[in-house]
Amino acid sequence: MKQRTQRCQRIGDQLRGEISSMLLRDIKDPRIGFVTVLDVEVAPDLSNATVYFTVYGSDQERDDSLAGLKSTASYMRREMGRRLHLKRIPALHFRYDNTILKGEHIEGLLIQANKGEE
């Protein structure tokens, strides 16, 4: 994993909070399901930000949510510029993160293994 500067981490945290807030209150795209923003990784020059998210649901719901997020990226960027008063708001790139699903799968395997030992 790359080392992040304090500045990039701070801005990423601000962006994550604003994106989460907008998804709850402002964005009404029906394609976007139950999305959780996990992290925002900001490039050192603030030109780009990768938004890591997860969706509870099927693969189709994940794909629909990704399409909805991509279509709202320019709106989110404009709103964040207005709300955060930063000189430069990075372009948003959304990436699905399946870490939670992998963890649940591993937990299920451990439970099965423990049941088999009894």
C-alpha atoms as a PDB file:
ATOM      1  CA  MET A   1       0.000   0.000   0.000  1.00  0.00           C
ATOM      2  CA  LYS A   2       1.241   3.451  -0.844  1.00  0.00           C
ATOM      3  CA  GLN A   3       2.193   5.908   1.871  1.00  0.00           C
ATOM      4  CA  ARG A   4      -0.154   8.855   1.958  1.00  0.00           C
ATOM      5  CA  THR A   5       0.821  12.280   3.119  1.00  0.00           C
ATOM      6  CA  GLN A   6      -1.120  13.825   5.979  1.00  0.00           C
ATOM      7  CA  ARG A   7      -2.504  16.431   3.602  1.00  0.00           C
ATOM      8  CA  CYS A   8      -3.780  13.824   1.127  1.00  0.00           C
ATOM      9  CA  GLN A   9      -5.245  11.780   3.983  1.00  0.00           C
ATOM     10  CA  ARG A  10      -7.019  14.830   5.427  1.00  0.00           C
ATOM     11  CA  ILE A  11      -8.453  15.853   2.064  1.00  0.00           C
ATOM     12  CA  GLY A  12      -9.464  12.259   1.339  1.00  0.00           C
ATOM     13  CA  ASP A  13     -11.321  12.116   4.650  1.00  0.00           C
ATOM     14  CA  GLN A  14     -13.101  15.381   3.840  1.00  0.00           C
ATOM     15  CA  LEU A  15     -14.086  14.104   0.402  1.00  0.00           C
ATOM     16  CA  ARG A  16     -15.307  10.789   1.857  1.00  0.00           C
ATOM     17  CA  GLY A  17     -17.514  12.627   4.328  1.00  0.00           C
ATOM     18  CA  GLU A  18     -18.975  14.919   1.677  1.00  0.00           C
ATOM     19  CA  ILE A  19     -19.582  12.104  -0.813  1.00  0.00           C
ATOM     20  CA  SER A  20     -21.312  10.034   1.882  1.00  0.00           C
ATOM     21  CA  SER A  21     -23.433  13.011   2.860  1.00  0.00           C
ATOM     22  CA  MET A  22     -24.422  13.723  -0.739  1.00  0.00           C
ATOM     23  CA  LEU A  23     -25.360  10.077  -1.304  1.00  0.00           C
ATOM     24  CA  LEU A  24     -27.643  10.183   1.735  1.00  0.00           C
ATOM     25  CA  ARG A  25     -29.280  13.549   1.167  1.00  0.00           C
ATOM     26  CA  ASP A  26     -28.763  15.012  -2.282  1.00  0.00           C
ATOM     27  CA  ILE A  27     -28.371  12.346  -4.941  1.00  0.00           C
ATOM     28  CA  LYS A  28     -31.586  10.653  -6.025  1.00  0.00           C
ATOM     29  CA  ASP A  29     -30.308   8.433  -8.848  1.00  0.00           C
ATOM     30  CA  PRO A  30     -32.398   5.228  -8.625  1.00  0.00           C
ATOM     31  CA  ARG A  31     -29.465   3.158  -9.906  1.00  0.00           C
ATOM     32  CA  ILE A  32     -27.442   3.859  -6.781  1.00  0.00           C
ATOM     33  CA  GLY A  33     -28.244   1.225  -4.184  1.00  0.00           C
ATOM     34  CA  PHE A  34     -27.080   0.829  -0.607  1.00  0.00           C
ATOM     35  CA  VAL A  35     -23.584   2.249  -1.197  1.00  0.00           C
ATOM     36  CA  THR A  36     -20.989   2.654   1.528  1.00  0.00           C
ATOM     37  CA  VAL A  37     -17.933   4.798   0.817  1.00  0.00           C
ATOM     38  CA  LEU A  38     -14.987   3.024   2.434  1.00  0.00           C
ATOM     39  CA  ASP A  39     -12.067   5.267   1.549  1.00  0.00           C
ATOM     40  CA  VAL A  40     -10.913   8.045  -0.752  1.00  0.00           C
ATOM     41  CA  GLU A  41      -7.323   7.988  -1.961  1.00  0.00           C
ATOM     42  CA  VAL A  42      -6.156  11.375  -3.247  1.00  0.00           C
ATOM     43  CA  ALA A  43      -3.205  11.837  -5.627  1.00  0.00           C
ATOM     44  CA  PRO A  44      -0.418  14.051  -4.243  1.00  0.00           C
ATOM     45  CA  ASP A  45      -1.090  16.743  -6.863  1.00  0.00           C
ATOM     46  CA  LEU A  46      -4.853  16.641  -6.062  1.00  0.00           C
ATOM     47  CA  SER A  47      -5.684  15.950  -9.695  1.00  0.00           C
ATOM     48  CA  ASN A  48      -7.462  12.640  -9.075  1.00  0.00           C
ATOM     49  CA  ALA A  49      -9.174  10.804  -6.253  1.00  0.00           C
ATOM     50  CA  THR A  50     -10.127   7.140  -6.191  1.00  0.00           C
ATOM     51  CA  VAL A  51     -13.322   6.534  -4.248  1.00  0.00           C
ATOM     52  CA  TYR A  52     -13.511   2.980  -2.881  1.00  0.00           C
ATOM     53  CA  PHE A  53     -17.056   1.818  -2.224  1.00  0.00           C
ATOM     54  CA  THR A  54     -19.053  -1.296  -1.517  1.00  0.00           C
ATOM     55  CA  VAL A  55     -22.647  -2.183  -2.292  1.00  0.00           C
ATOM     56  CA  TYR A  56     -24.810  -4.704  -0.512  1.00  0.00           C
ATOM     57  CA  GLY A  57     -26.652  -6.602  -3.198  1.00  0.00           C
ATOM     58  CA  SER A  58     -26.182  -8.536  -6.395  1.00  0.00           C
ATOM     59  CA  ASP A  59     -23.594  -8.057  -9.116  1.00  0.00           C
ATOM     60  CA  GLN A  60     -26.237  -6.242 -11.165  1.00  0.00           C
ATOM     61  CA  GLU A  61     -26.920  -3.823  -8.288  1.00  0.00           C
ATOM     62  CA  ARG A  62     -23.181  -3.232  -7.993  1.00  0.00           C
ATOM     63  CA  ASP A  63     -22.878  -2.474 -11.712  1.00  0.00           C
ATOM     64  CA  ASP A  64     -25.933  -0.194 -11.624  1.00  0.00           C
ATOM     65  CA  SER A  65     -24.575   1.668  -8.598  1.00  0.00           C
ATOM     66  CA  LEU A  66     -21.203   2.132 -10.286  1.00  0.00           C
ATOM     67  CA  ALA A  67     -22.908   3.567 -13.385  1.00  0.00           C
ATOM     68  CA  GLY A  68     -24.961   5.911 -11.203  1.00  0.00           C
ATOM     69  CA  LEU A  69     -21.911   7.051  -9.253  1.00  0.00           C
ATOM     70  CA  LYS A  70     -19.974   7.739 -12.438  1.00  0.00           C
ATOM     71  CA  SER A  71     -22.835   9.796 -13.827  1.00  0.00           C
ATOM     72  CA  THR A  72     -22.989  11.957 -10.685  1.00  0.00           C
ATOM     73  CA  ALA A  73     -19.223  12.498 -10.404  1.00  0.00           C
ATOM     74  CA  SER A  74     -19.209  15.945 -12.015  1.00  0.00           C
ATOM     75  CA  TYR A  75     -22.116  17.102  -9.820  1.00  0.00           C
ATOM     76  CA  MET A  76     -20.326  15.823  -6.698  1.00  0.00           C
ATOM     77  CA  ARG A  77     -17.120  17.559  -7.726  1.00  0.00           C
ATOM     78  CA  ARG A  78     -18.910  20.891  -8.232  1.00  0.00           C
ATOM     79  CA  GLU A  79     -20.716  20.596  -4.904  1.00  0.00           C
ATOM     80  CA  MET A  80     -17.522  19.710  -3.052  1.00  0.00           C
ATOM     81  CA  GLY A  81     -15.809  22.733  -4.567  1.00  0.00           C
ATOM     82  CA  ARG A  82     -18.583  24.901  -3.201  1.00  0.00           C
ATOM     83  CA  ARG A  83     -18.745  23.200   0.210  1.00  0.00           C
ATOM     84  CA  LEU A  84     -15.077  22.541   1.006  1.00  0.00           C
ATOM     85  CA  HIS A  85     -13.497  25.734  -0.356  1.00  0.00           C
ATOM     86  CA  LEU A  86     -10.420  23.929  -1.663  1.00  0.00           C
ATOM     87  CA  LYS A  87      -8.385  25.463  -4.471  1.00  0.00           C
ATOM     88  CA  ARG A  88      -8.494  22.234  -6.417  1.00  0.00           C
ATOM     89  CA  ILE A  89     -11.084  19.471  -6.300  1.00  0.00           C
ATOM     90  CA  PRO A  90      -9.807  16.204  -7.758  1.00  0.00           C
ATOM     91  CA  ALA A  91     -11.571  14.276 -10.505  1.00  0.00           C
ATOM     92  CA  LEU A  92     -13.465  11.399  -8.927  1.00  0.00           C
ATOM     93  CA  HIS A  93     -12.913   7.811 -10.037  1.00  0.00           C
ATOM     94  CA  PHE A  94     -15.066   5.123  -8.433  1.00  0.00           C
ATOM     95  CA  ARG A  95     -13.762   1.641  -7.717  1.00  0.00           C
ATOM     96  CA  TYR A  96     -15.718  -1.225  -6.193  1.00  0.00           C
ATOM     97  CA  ASP A  97     -13.990  -2.714  -3.146  1.00  0.00           C
ATOM     98  CA  ASN A  98     -14.926  -6.283  -2.279  1.00  0.00           C
ATOM     99  CA  THR A  99     -12.805  -6.501   0.883  1.00  0.00           C
ATOM    100  CA  ILE A 100     -15.887  -6.852   3.086  1.00  0.00           C
ATOM    101  CA  LEU A 101     -17.204  -9.730   0.968  1.00  0.00           C
ATOM    102  CA  LYS A 102     -13.849 -11.476   1.130  1.00  0.00           C
ATOM    103  CA  GLY A 103     -13.813 -11.073   4.908  1.00  0.00           C
ATOM    104  CA  GLU A 104     -17.320 -12.506   5.205  1.00  0.00           C
ATOM    105  CA  HIS A 105     -16.320 -15.443   3.010  1.00  0.00           C
ATOM    106  CA  ILE A 106     -13.238 -16.170   5.125  1.00  0.00           C
ATOM    107  CA  GLU A 107     -15.300 -15.874   8.313  1.00  0.00           C
ATOM    108  CA  GLY A 108     -17.800 -18.385   6.892  1.00  0.00           C
ATOM    109  CA  LEU A 109     -14.992 -20.800   6.037  1.00  0.00           C
ATOM    110  CA  LEU A 110     -13.570 -20.494   9.566  1.00  0.00           C
ATOM    111  CA  ILE A 111     -16.980 -21.181  11.094  1.00  0.00           C
ATOM    112  CA  GLN A 112     -17.394 -24.273   8.888  1.00  0.00           C
ATOM    113  CA  ALA A 113     -13.902 -25.481   9.810  1.00  0.00           C
ATOM    114  CA  ASN A 114     -14.621 -25.031  13.519  1.00  0.00           C
ATOM    115  CA  LYS A 115     -17.906 -26.942  13.207  1.00  0.00           C
ATOM    116  CA  GLY A 116     -16.050 -29.786  11.500  1.00  0.00           C
ATOM    117  CA  GLU A 117     -13.598 -30.054  14.414  1.00  0.00           C
ATOM    118  CA  GLU A 118     -16.358 -30.525  16.991  1.00  0.00           C
END
